[in-house]
PDB file of N, CA and C in Angstrom:
ATOM      1  N   MET A   1      -0.509 -13.008   5.919  1.00  0.00           N
ATOM      2  CA  MET A   1      -1.519 -12.095   6.409  1.00  0.00           C
ATOM      3  C   MET A   1      -0.884 -10.943   7.182  1.00  0.00           C
ATOM      4  N   ALA A   2       0.123 -11.249   8.015  1.00  0.00           N
ATOM      5  CA  ALA A   2       0.756 -10.204   8.820  1.00  0.00           C
ATOM      6  C   ALA A   2       1.431  -9.168   7.937  1.00  0.00           C
ATOM      7  N   LEU A   3       2.001  -9.617   6.821  1.00  0.00           N
ATOM      8  CA  LEU A   3       2.652  -8.682   5.908  1.00  0.00           C
ATOM      9  C   LEU A   3       1.638  -7.712   5.327  1.00  0.00           C
ATOM     10  N   SER A   4       0.494  -8.199   4.904  1.00  0.00           N
ATOM     11  CA  SER A   4      -0.493  -7.314   4.293  1.00  0.00           C
ATOM     12  C   SER A   4      -1.077  -6.347   5.320  1.00  0.00           C
ATOM     13  N   VAL A   5      -1.252  -6.794   6.564  1.00  0.00           N
ATOM     14  CA  VAL A   5      -1.768  -5.905   7.598  1.00  0.00           C
ATOM     15  C   VAL A   5      -0.724  -4.834   7.906  1.00  0.00           C
ATOM     16  N   SER A   6       0.543  -5.232   8.036  1.00  0.00           N
ATOM     17  CA  SER A   6       1.605  -4.265   8.312  1.00  0.00           C
ATOM     18  C   SER A   6       1.732  -3.256   7.175  1.00  0.00           C
ATOM     19  N   ALA A   7       1.673  -3.733   5.954  1.00  0.00           N
ATOM     20  CA  ALA A   7       1.765  -2.837   4.802  1.00  0.00           C
ATOM     21  C   ALA A   7       0.575  -1.891   4.757  1.00  0.00           C
ATOM     22  N   ALA A   8      -0.598  -2.383   5.068  1.00  0.00           N
ATOM     23  CA  ALA A   8      -1.788  -1.536   5.059  1.00  0.00           C
ATOM     24  C   ALA A   8      -1.706  -0.465   6.137  1.00  0.00           C
ATOM     25  N   VAL A   9      -1.221  -0.831   7.311  1.00  0.00           N
ATOM     26  CA  VAL A   9      -1.085   0.150   8.391  1.00  0.00           C
ATOM     27  C   VAL A   9      -0.047   1.198   8.013  1.00  0.00           C
ATOM     28  N   LEU A  10       1.074   0.762   7.440  1.00  0.00           N
ATOM     29  CA  LEU A  10       2.106   1.708   7.018  1.00  0.00           C
ATOM     30  C   LEU A  10       1.570   2.668   5.970  1.00  0.00           C
ATOM     31  N   MET A  11       0.843   2.160   4.983  1.00  0.00           N
ATOM     32  CA  MET A  11       0.281   3.023   3.949  1.00  0.00           C
ATOM     33  C   MET A  11      -0.758   3.978   4.527  1.00  0.00           C
ATOM     34  N   LEU A  12      -1.544   3.508   5.488  1.00  0.00           N
ATOM     35  CA  LEU A  12      -2.524   4.377   6.138  1.00  0.00           C
ATOM     36  C   LEU A  12      -1.828   5.517   6.869  1.00  0.00           C
ATOM     37  N   VAL A  13      -0.758   5.221   7.572  1.00  0.00           N
ATOM     38  CA  VAL A  13      -0.012   6.263   8.275  1.00  0.00           C
ATOM     39  C   VAL A  13       0.560   7.267   7.277  1.00  0.00           C
ATOM     40  N   ILE A  14       1.104   6.782   6.168  1.00  0.00           N
ATOM     41  CA  ILE A  14       1.657   7.671   5.149  1.00  0.00           C
ATOM     42  C   ILE A  14       0.572   8.579   4.583  1.00  0.00           C
ATOM     43  N   VAL A  15      -0.594   8.024   4.300  1.00  0.00           N
ATOM     44  CA  VAL A  15      -1.694   8.835   3.757  1.00  0.00           C
ATOM     45  C   VAL A  15      -2.140   9.884   4.764  1.00  0.00           C
ATOM     46  N   ILE A  16      -2.224   9.510   6.036  1.00  0.00           N
ATOM     47  CA  ILE A  16      -2.624  10.480   7.060  1.00  0.00           C
ATOM     48  C   ILE A  16      -1.617  11.616   7.141  1.00  0.00           C
ATOM     49  N   VAL A  17      -0.332  11.282   7.110  1.00  0.00           N
ATOM     50  CA  VAL A  17       0.699  12.322   7.151  1.00  0.00           C
ATOM     51  C   VAL A  17       0.603  13.217   5.922  1.00  0.00           C
ATOM     52  N   LEU A  18       0.384  12.619   4.760  1.00  0.00           N
ATOM     53  CA  LEU A  18       0.277  13.417   3.540  1.00  0.00           C
ATOM     54  C   LEU A  18      -0.948  14.321   3.554  1.00  0.00           C
ATOM     55  N   VAL A  19      -2.041  13.832   4.092  1.00  0.00           N
ATOM     56  CA  VAL A  19      -3.253  14.654   4.163  1.00  0.00           C
ATOM     57  C   VAL A  19      -3.026  15.838   5.097  1.00  0.00           C
ATOM     58  N   ARG A  20      -2.384  15.590   6.226  1.00  0.00           N
ATOM     59  CA  ARG A  20      -2.215  16.656   7.224  1.00  0.00           C
ATOM     60  C   ARG A  20      -1.080  17.613   6.898  1.00  0.00           C
ATOM     61  N   ARG A  21       0.026  17.116   6.366  1.00  0.00           N
ATOM     62  CA  ARG A  21       1.221  17.944   6.231  1.00  0.00           C
ATOM     63  C   ARG A  21       1.508  18.410   4.803  1.00  0.00           C
ATOM     64  N   SER A  22       1.247  17.565   3.826  1.00  0.00           N
ATOM     65  CA  SER A  22       1.679  17.876   2.465  1.00  0.00           C
ATOM     66  C   SER A  22       0.570  18.385   1.560  1.00  0.00           C
ATOM     67  N   GLY A  23      -0.601  18.568   2.082  1.00  0.00           N
ATOM     68  CA  GLY A  23      -1.664  19.141   1.287  1.00  0.00           C
ATOM     69  C   GLY A  23      -2.403  18.149   0.396  1.00  0.00           C
ATOM     70  N   LEU A  24      -2.225  16.848   0.643  1.00  0.00           N
ATOM     71  CA  LEU A  24      -3.010  15.870  -0.109  1.00  0.00           C
ATOM     72  C   LEU A  24      -4.458  16.021   0.317  1.00  0.00           C
ATOM     73  N   LYS A  25      -5.317  16.182  -0.648  1.00  0.00           N
ATOM     74  CA  LYS A  25      -6.724  16.369  -0.326  1.00  0.00           C
ATOM     75  C   LYS A  25      -7.346  15.023   0.030  1.00  0.00           C
ATOM     76  N   LEU A  26      -8.271  15.069   0.956  1.00  0.00           N
ATOM     77  CA  LEU A  26      -8.940  13.858   1.412  1.00  0.00           C
ATOM     78  C   LEU A  26      -9.639  13.152   0.251  1.00  0.00           C
ATOM     79  N   ALA A  27     -10.212  13.896  -0.670  1.00  0.00           N
ATOM     80  CA  ALA A  27     -10.881  13.292  -1.828  1.00  0.00           C
ATOM     81  C   ALA A  27      -9.897  12.480  -2.666  1.00  0.00           C
ATOM     82  N   HIS A  28      -8.668  12.983  -2.821  1.00  0.00           N
ATOM     83  CA  HIS A  28      -7.663  12.249  -3.583  1.00  0.00           C
ATOM     84  C   HIS A  28      -7.288  10.947  -2.876  1.00  0.00           C
ATOM     85  N   ALA A  29      -7.160  11.001  -1.553  1.00  0.00           N
ATOM     86  CA  ALA A  29      -6.833   9.805  -0.789  1.00  0.00           C
ATOM     87  C   ALA A  29      -7.947   8.766  -0.905  1.00  0.00           C
ATOM     88  N   ILE A  30      -9.188   9.210  -0.874  1.00  0.00           N
ATOM     89  CA  ILE A  30     -10.321   8.292  -1.004  1.00  0.00           C
ATOM     90  C   ILE A  30     -10.337   7.659  -2.390  1.00  0.00           C
ATOM     91  N   ILE A  31     -10.070   8.437  -3.415  1.00  0.00           N
ATOM     92  CA  ILE A  31     -10.031   7.911  -4.782  1.00  0.00           C
ATOM     93  C   ILE A  31      -8.928   6.863  -4.912  1.00  0.00           C
ATOM     94  N   CYS A  32      -7.768   7.126  -4.310  1.00  0.00           N
ATOM     95  CA  CYS A  32      -6.671   6.156  -4.350  1.00  0.00           C
ATOM     96  C   CYS A  32      -7.061   4.868  -3.637  1.00  0.00           C
ATOM     97  N   ALA A  33      -7.759   4.981  -2.502  1.00  0.00           N
ATOM     98  CA  ALA A  33      -8.206   3.797  -1.770  1.00  0.00           C
ATOM     99  C   ALA A  33      -9.206   2.993  -2.607  1.00  0.00           C
ATOM    100  N   LEU A  34     -10.126   3.689  -3.253  1.00  0.00           N
ATOM    101  CA  LEU A  34     -11.089   2.992  -4.111  1.00  0.00           C
ATOM    102  C   LEU A  34     -10.395   2.294  -5.277  1.00  0.00           C
ATOM    103  N   LEU A  35      -9.378   2.933  -5.844  1.00  0.00           N
ATOM    104  CA  LEU A  35      -8.608   2.300  -6.909  1.00  0.00           C
ATOM    105  C   LEU A  35      -7.981   1.009  -6.401  1.00  0.00           C
ATOM    106  N   GLY A  36      -7.467   1.034  -5.174  1.00  0.00           N
ATOM    107  CA  GLY A  36      -6.891  -0.169  -4.587  1.00  0.00           C
ATOM    108  C   GLY A  36      -7.910  -1.286  -4.461  1.00  0.00           C
ATOM    109  N   PHE A  37      -9.122  -0.964  -4.040  1.00  0.00           N
ATOM    110  CA  PHE A  37     -10.166  -1.981  -3.924  1.00  0.00           C
ATOM    111  C   PHE A  37     -10.535  -2.547  -5.298  1.00  0.00           C
ATOM    112  N   TYR A  38     -10.620  -1.687  -6.295  1.00  0.00           N
ATOM    113  CA  TYR A  38     -10.943  -2.161  -7.633  1.00  0.00           C
ATOM    114  C   TYR A  38      -9.815  -3.018  -8.207  1.00  0.00           C
ATOM    115  N   LEU A  39      -8.565  -2.632  -7.966  1.00  0.00           N
ATOM    116  CA  LEU A  39      -7.438  -3.435  -8.432  1.00  0.00           C
ATOM    117  C   LEU A  39      -7.414  -4.801  -7.759  1.00  0.00           C
ATOM    118  N   ALA A  40      -7.826  -4.855  -6.495  1.00  0.00           N
ATOM    119  CA  ALA A  40      -7.829  -6.119  -5.763  1.00  0.00           C
ATOM    120  C   ALA A  40      -8.806  -7.120  -6.352  1.00  0.00           C
ATOM    121  N   SER A  41      -9.819  -6.644  -7.057  1.00  0.00           N
ATOM    122  CA  SER A  41     -10.809  -7.555  -7.624  1.00  0.00           C
ATOM    123  C   SER A  41     -10.539  -7.872  -9.094  1.00  0.00           C
ATOM    124  N   THR A  42      -9.435  -7.393  -9.642  1.00  0.00           N
ATOM    125  CA  THR A  42      -9.109  -7.677 -11.036  1.00  0.00           C
ATOM    126  C   THR A  42      -8.149  -8.854 -11.132  1.00  0.00           C
ATOM    127  N   SER A  43      -7.847  -9.243 -12.347  1.00  0.00           N
ATOM    128  CA  SER A  43      -6.940 -10.366 -12.567  1.00  0.00           C
ATOM    129  C   SER A  43      -5.486  -9.995 -12.313  1.00  0.00           C
ATOM    130  N   ILE A  44      -5.180  -8.722 -12.145  1.00  0.00           N
ATOM    131  CA  ILE A  44      -3.810  -8.295 -11.885  1.00  0.00           C
ATOM    132  C   ILE A  44      -3.468  -8.381 -10.382  1.00  0.00           C
ATOM    133  N   ALA A  45      -4.440  -8.611  -9.525  1.00  0.00           N
ATOM    134  CA  ALA A  45      -4.225  -8.646  -8.078  1.00  0.00           C
ATOM    135  C   ALA A  45      -3.162  -9.667  -7.656  1.00  0.00           C
ATOM    136  N   PRO A  46      -3.165 -10.899  -8.177  1.00  0.00           N
ATOM    137  CA  PRO A  46      -2.106 -11.839  -7.776  1.00  0.00           C
ATOM    138  C   PRO A  46      -0.703 -11.361  -8.158  1.00  0.00           C
ATOM    139  N   SER A  47      -0.581 -10.694  -9.284  1.00  0.00           N
ATOM    140  CA  SER A  47       0.726 -10.169  -9.691  1.00  0.00           C
ATOM    141  C   SER A  47       1.185  -9.060  -8.749  1.00  0.00           C
ATOM    142  N   ILE A  48       0.266  -8.186  -8.345  1.00  0.00           N
ATOM    143  CA  ILE A  48       0.600  -7.118  -7.416  1.00  0.00           C
ATOM    144  C   ILE A  48       1.025  -7.710  -6.074  1.00  0.00           C
ATOM    145  N   GLN A  49       0.312  -8.729  -5.612  1.00  0.00           N
ATOM    146  CA  GLN A  49       0.634  -9.366  -4.347  1.00  0.00           C
ATOM    147  C   GLN A  49       1.999 -10.051  -4.419  1.00  0.00           C
ATOM    148  N   GLU A  50       2.301 -10.676  -5.540  1.00  0.00           N
ATOM    149  CA  GLU A  50       3.590 -11.346  -5.707  1.00  0.00           C
ATOM    150  C   GLU A  50       4.741 -10.342  -5.704  1.00  0.00           C
ATOM    151  N   VAL A  51       4.575  -9.239  -6.414  1.00  0.00           N
ATOM    152  CA  VAL A  51       5.619  -8.205  -6.438  1.00  0.00           C
ATOM    153  C   VAL A  51       5.826  -7.630  -5.041  1.00  0.00           C
ATOM    154  N   THR A  52       4.732  -7.368  -4.335  1.00  0.00           N
ATOM    155  CA  THR A  52       4.833  -6.848  -2.976  1.00  0.00           C
ATOM    156  C   THR A  52       5.565  -7.822  -2.061  1.00  0.00           C
ATOM    157  N   SER A  53       5.248  -9.091  -2.170  1.00  0.00           N
ATOM    158  CA  SER A  53       5.928 -10.096  -1.350  1.00  0.00           C
ATOM    159  C   SER A  53       7.403 -10.197  -1.701  1.00  0.00           C
ATOM    160  N   ASN A  54       7.726 -10.127  -2.982  1.00  0.00           N
ATOM    161  CA  ASN A  54       9.126 -10.194  -3.405  1.00  0.00           C
ATOM    162  C   ASN A  54       9.921  -8.989  -2.900  1.00  0.00           C
ATOM    163  N   VAL A  55       9.342  -7.810  -2.990  1.00  0.00           N
ATOM    164  CA  VAL A  55      10.018  -6.598  -2.495  1.00  0.00           C
ATOM    165  C   VAL A  55      10.216  -6.687  -0.980  1.00  0.00           C
ATOM    166  N   ALA A  56       9.194  -7.154  -0.266  1.00  0.00           N
ATOM    167  CA  ALA A  56       9.321  -7.299   1.185  1.00  0.00           C
ATOM    168  C   ALA A  56      10.402  -8.320   1.537  1.00  0.00           C
ATOM    169  N   GLY A  57      10.477  -9.388   0.764  1.00  0.00           N
ATOM    170  CA  GLY A  57      11.535 -10.384   0.978  1.00  0.00           C
ATOM    171  C   GLY A  57      12.916  -9.826   0.720  1.00  0.00           C
ATOM    172  N   MET A  58      13.043  -9.005  -0.320  1.00  0.00           N
ATOM    173  CA  MET A  58      14.345  -8.389  -0.617  1.00  0.00           C
ATOM    174  C   MET A  58      14.737  -7.423   0.504  1.00  0.00           C
ATOM    175  N   ILE A  59      13.779  -6.641   0.992  1.00  0.00           N
ATOM    176  CA  ILE A  59      14.078  -5.697   2.072  1.00  0.00           C
ATOM    177  C   ILE A  59      14.460  -6.465   3.342  1.00  0.00           C
ATOM    178  N   ASN A  60      13.766  -7.563   3.586  1.00  0.00           N
ATOM    179  CA  ASN A  60      14.054  -8.387   4.765  1.00  0.00           C
ATOM    180  C   ASN A  60      15.444  -9.005   4.663  1.00  0.00           C
ATOM    181  N   GLY A  61      15.891  -9.298   3.445  1.00  0.00           N
ATOM    182  CA  GLY A  61      17.197  -9.911   3.244  1.00  0.00           C
ATOM    183  C   GLY A  61      18.367  -8.942   3.305  1.00  0.00           C
ATOM    184  N   LEU A  62      18.106  -7.643   3.322  1.00  0.00           N
ATOM    185  CA  LEU A  62      19.182  -6.657   3.388  1.00  0.00           C
ATOM    186  C   LEU A  62      19.850  -6.696   4.756  1.00  0.00           C
ATOM    187  N   LYS A  63      21.164  -6.623   4.729  1.00  0.00           N
ATOM    188  CA  LYS A  63      21.920  -6.575   5.978  1.00  0.00           C
ATOM    189  C   LYS A  63      22.508  -5.186   6.115  1.00  0.00           C
ATOM    190  N   LEU A  64      22.023  -4.456   7.077  1.00  0.00           N
ATOM    191  CA  LEU A  64      22.473  -3.089   7.290  1.00  0.00           C
ATOM    192  C   LEU A  64      23.478  -3.011   8.400  1.00  0.00           C
TER     193      LEU A  64
END
């Protein structure tokens, strides 16, 4: 749960920065958010969650 909350907060911050600085229109950000909600209710959602967890695990395993 903590991973998904952290990822959601990070993505929210990125979207806010893009809306304010890079000219991303608010309508585009809303459409992307709606796409995320629709993807979460499809059969591909577990695969997306697994890939996200695997990537987070790989990043966590990096020694810098």
